[in-house]
Amino acid sequence: MSTGKVLLGVLAGAATGALLGVLFAPHKGSVTRKKISRTTGSYADGVKEKINELLDDITEKFEKVKEDVTEFADQKMHKNGEVKKEVKTT
């Protein structure tokens, strides 16, 4: 079975489940919509928090790599300067 067919089947199943869940819900539509809105808001806040944590982590790692590269380049430049001085003096 191809991946496309499996994905289509999963999406169709999810849509059917959502439709049946709304049709057989024990609450009125307005109550259900309010619950969905509140839940979506809390999920959105959680996702925003996770994204911010991820961005902070990436920024910290990027700064560390940048410092390491700068330090490495400075060491190489210093070494090359010493080699050039030795070549000029001989």
C-alpha atoms as a PDB file:
ATOM      1  CA  MET A   1       0.000   0.000   0.000  1.00  0.00           C
ATOM      2  CA  SER A   2       1.451   3.382  -0.936  1.00  0.00           C
ATOM      3  CA  THR A   3       2.114   6.143   1.559  1.00  0.00           C
ATOM      4  CA  GLY A   4      -0.382   8.424  -0.175  1.00  0.00           C
ATOM      5  CA  LYS A   5      -3.207   5.932   0.270  1.00  0.00           C
ATOM      6  CA  VAL A   6      -2.355   5.399   3.923  1.00  0.00           C
ATOM      7  CA  LEU A   7      -2.240   9.150   4.554  1.00  0.00           C
ATOM      8  CA  LEU A   8      -5.552   9.630   2.742  1.00  0.00           C
ATOM      9  CA  GLY A   9      -7.108   6.856   4.841  1.00  0.00           C
ATOM     10  CA  VAL A  10      -5.855   8.388   8.073  1.00  0.00           C
ATOM     11  CA  LEU A  11      -7.154  11.838   7.124  1.00  0.00           C
ATOM     12  CA  ALA A  12     -10.539  10.420   6.092  1.00  0.00           C
ATOM     13  CA  GLY A  13     -10.766   8.519   9.375  1.00  0.00           C
ATOM     14  CA  ALA A  14      -9.869  11.590  11.406  1.00  0.00           C
ATOM     15  CA  ALA A  15     -12.426  13.734   9.570  1.00  0.00           C
ATOM     16  CA  THR A  16     -15.141  11.077  10.031  1.00  0.00           C
ATOM     17  CA  GLY A  17     -14.325  10.779  13.728  1.00  0.00           C
ATOM     18  CA  ALA A  18     -14.456  14.538  14.220  1.00  0.00           C
ATOM     19  CA  LEU A  19     -17.797  14.779  12.404  1.00  0.00           C
ATOM     20  CA  LEU A  20     -19.324  11.962  14.438  1.00  0.00           C
ATOM     21  CA  GLY A  21     -17.947  13.449  17.638  1.00  0.00           C
ATOM     22  CA  VAL A  22     -19.612  16.791  16.922  1.00  0.00           C
ATOM     23  CA  LEU A  23     -22.891  15.174  15.865  1.00  0.00           C
ATOM     24  CA  PHE A  24     -23.159  13.015  18.974  1.00  0.00           C
ATOM     25  CA  ALA A  25     -21.750  15.582  21.409  1.00  0.00           C
ATOM     26  CA  PRO A  26     -23.678  15.841  24.678  1.00  0.00           C
ATOM     27  CA  HIS A  27     -23.598  19.674  24.625  1.00  0.00           C
ATOM     28  CA  LYS A  28     -25.086  22.342  22.424  1.00  0.00           C
ATOM     29  CA  GLY A  29     -22.930  23.598  19.564  1.00  0.00           C
ATOM     30  CA  SER A  30     -22.210  26.926  21.269  1.00  0.00           C
ATOM     31  CA  VAL A  31     -20.906  25.160  24.389  1.00  0.00           C
ATOM     32  CA  THR A  32     -18.811  22.793  22.299  1.00  0.00           C
ATOM     33  CA  ARG A  33     -17.329  25.697  20.295  1.00  0.00           C
ATOM     34  CA  LYS A  34     -16.409  27.517  23.526  1.00  0.00           C
ATOM     35  CA  LYS A  35     -14.693  24.392  24.851  1.00  0.00           C
ATOM     36  CA  ILE A  36     -12.801  23.960  21.586  1.00  0.00           C
ATOM     37  CA  SER A  37     -11.785  27.622  21.658  1.00  0.00           C
ATOM     38  CA  ARG A  38     -10.466  27.389  25.228  1.00  0.00           C
ATOM     39  CA  THR A  39      -8.587  24.160  24.524  1.00  0.00           C
ATOM     40  CA  THR A  40      -7.094  25.549  21.323  1.00  0.00           C
ATOM     41  CA  GLY A  41      -5.936  28.641  23.187  1.00  0.00           C
ATOM     42  CA  SER A  42      -4.156  26.590  25.836  1.00  0.00           C
ATOM     43  CA  TYR A  43      -2.526  24.405  23.170  1.00  0.00           C
ATOM     44  CA  ALA A  44      -1.420  27.500  21.255  1.00  0.00           C
ATOM     45  CA  ASP A  45       0.153  28.939  24.405  1.00  0.00           C
ATOM     46  CA  GLY A  46       1.970  25.659  25.024  1.00  0.00           C
ATOM     47  CA  VAL A  47       3.252  25.541  21.456  1.00  0.00           C
ATOM     48  CA  LYS A  48       4.441  29.159  21.647  1.00  0.00           C
ATOM     49  CA  GLU A  49       6.288  28.379  24.880  1.00  0.00           C
ATOM     50  CA  LYS A  50       7.977  25.322  23.377  1.00  0.00           C
ATOM     51  CA  ILE A  51       8.996  27.275  20.261  1.00  0.00           C
ATOM     52  CA  ASN A  52      10.470  30.045  22.407  1.00  0.00           C
ATOM     53  CA  GLU A  53      12.427  27.477  24.442  1.00  0.00           C
ATOM     54  CA  LEU A  54      13.685  25.875  21.235  1.00  0.00           C
ATOM     55  CA  LEU A  55      14.742  29.250  19.796  1.00  0.00           C
ATOM     56  CA  ASP A  56      16.544  30.150  23.036  1.00  0.00           C
ATOM     57  CA  ASP A  57      18.364  26.806  22.995  1.00  0.00           C
ATOM     58  CA  ILE A  58      19.364  27.228  19.349  1.00  0.00           C
ATOM     59  CA  THR A  59      20.560  30.782  20.016  1.00  0.00           C
ATOM     60  CA  GLU A  60      22.705  29.627  22.939  1.00  0.00           C
ATOM     61  CA  LYS A  61      24.261  26.849  20.872  1.00  0.00           C
ATOM     62  CA  PHE A  62      24.867  29.205  17.951  1.00  0.00           C
ATOM     63  CA  GLU A  63      26.628  31.704  20.237  1.00  0.00           C
ATOM     64  CA  LYS A  64      28.796  28.909  21.690  1.00  0.00           C
ATOM     65  CA  VAL A  65      29.792  27.706  18.213  1.00  0.00           C
ATOM     66  CA  LYS A  66      30.509  31.284  17.157  1.00  0.00           C
ATOM     67  CA  GLU A  67      32.773  31.772  20.183  1.00  0.00           C
ATOM     68  CA  ASP A  68      34.564  28.478  19.504  1.00  0.00           C
ATOM     69  CA  VAL A  69      35.147  29.366  15.845  1.00  0.00           C
ATOM     70  CA  THR A  70      36.422  32.829  16.758  1.00  0.00           C
ATOM     71  CA  GLU A  71      38.774  31.369  19.355  1.00  0.00           C
ATOM     72  CA  PHE A  72      40.031  28.768  16.884  1.00  0.00           C
ATOM     73  CA  ALA A  73      40.580  31.405  14.194  1.00  0.00           C
ATOM     74  CA  ASP A  74      42.454  33.635  16.641  1.00  0.00           C
ATOM     75  CA  GLN A  75      44.718  30.738  17.624  1.00  0.00           C
ATOM     76  CA  LYS A  76      45.448  29.931  13.979  1.00  0.00           C
ATOM     77  CA  MET A  77      46.105  33.582  13.149  1.00  0.00           C
ATOM     78  CA  HIS A  78      48.484  33.830  16.102  1.00  0.00           C
ATOM     79  CA  LYS A  79      50.277  30.644  15.053  1.00  0.00           C
ATOM     80  CA  ASN A  80      50.544  31.809  11.456  1.00  0.00           C
ATOM     81  CA  GLY A  81      51.966  35.131  12.642  1.00  0.00           C
ATOM     82  CA  GLU A  82      54.692  33.297  14.569  1.00  0.00           C
ATOM     83  CA  VAL A  83      55.527  31.152  11.558  1.00  0.00           C
ATOM     84  CA  LYS A  84      55.767  34.244   9.327  1.00  0.00           C
ATOM     85  CA  LYS A  85      58.100  35.927  11.834  1.00  0.00           C
ATOM     86  CA  GLU A  86      60.364  32.839  11.884  1.00  0.00           C
ATOM     87  CA  VAL A  87      60.451  32.751   8.093  1.00  0.00           C
ATOM     88  CA  LYS A  88      61.370  36.433   7.894  1.00  0.00           C
ATOM     89  CA  THR A  89      64.162  36.119  10.485  1.00  0.00           C
ATOM     90  CA  THR A  90      65.842  33.151   8.765  1.00  0.00           C
END
